[in-house]
Amino acid sequence: MLARLIELWKEPLPKDLERIPARVFGDSPEPHAAFMSVRHWPRGERMRRGFRLSFKILFPIMLALIPLGVLEPFAFMIWGSIAYGIILFIAGPMLFAKYYGEEYSFFAVETPCPRCQAPGPLRPYVSTRLEPEVTVLCGACGQTSKARPEIADSKPESETKPE
């Protein structure tokens, strides 16, 4: 039952992913050719995504605090108010800003693992934000590798700002 709840809670992959060429660096000095699955988030979608993902992280934390209020309701009125205030007014805006600032996201790097040669996509390690160099994780061996998009500036030409 818990596995089913986790599956329902997971974020589905977007349907309109772009594939861009990339290089994956492992133990060998020679990089492996790969493709990254990337998604551009327009402003409105970034806002909805920021609220949704922040809610998915903070709501279980807030629910976990409620049973503690049953044990000592009067003390919970004080420390519970402080805890909920920190969650809603500090952690919430920080998480929203993190997800709202993610204009380009990558979801997978399609290549065999450069360390163990296991087939399958490499997933983002910590952050899904598309940067000049990202860390990816092999699901088979658990080792991390670095991946770099081959496009120097991954934004389309129409969205780049002239210098």
Foldseek 3Di string as FASTA:
>chain_A
DVVVVVVVLDDDDDDDWDWFWKWWDDPDPDTDIWIWTKDFAPQVRLQVVLQSVLCSVLVVVLVVCVVVCVVPVVVCVVVVVVVVCCSVPPVSVVSSCVSSPQRMFTAWIQAADPPPRHHDTWGFDPGRRDDQKGWTADPPPGDIIIMGGPDNDPDDPVPDDDD
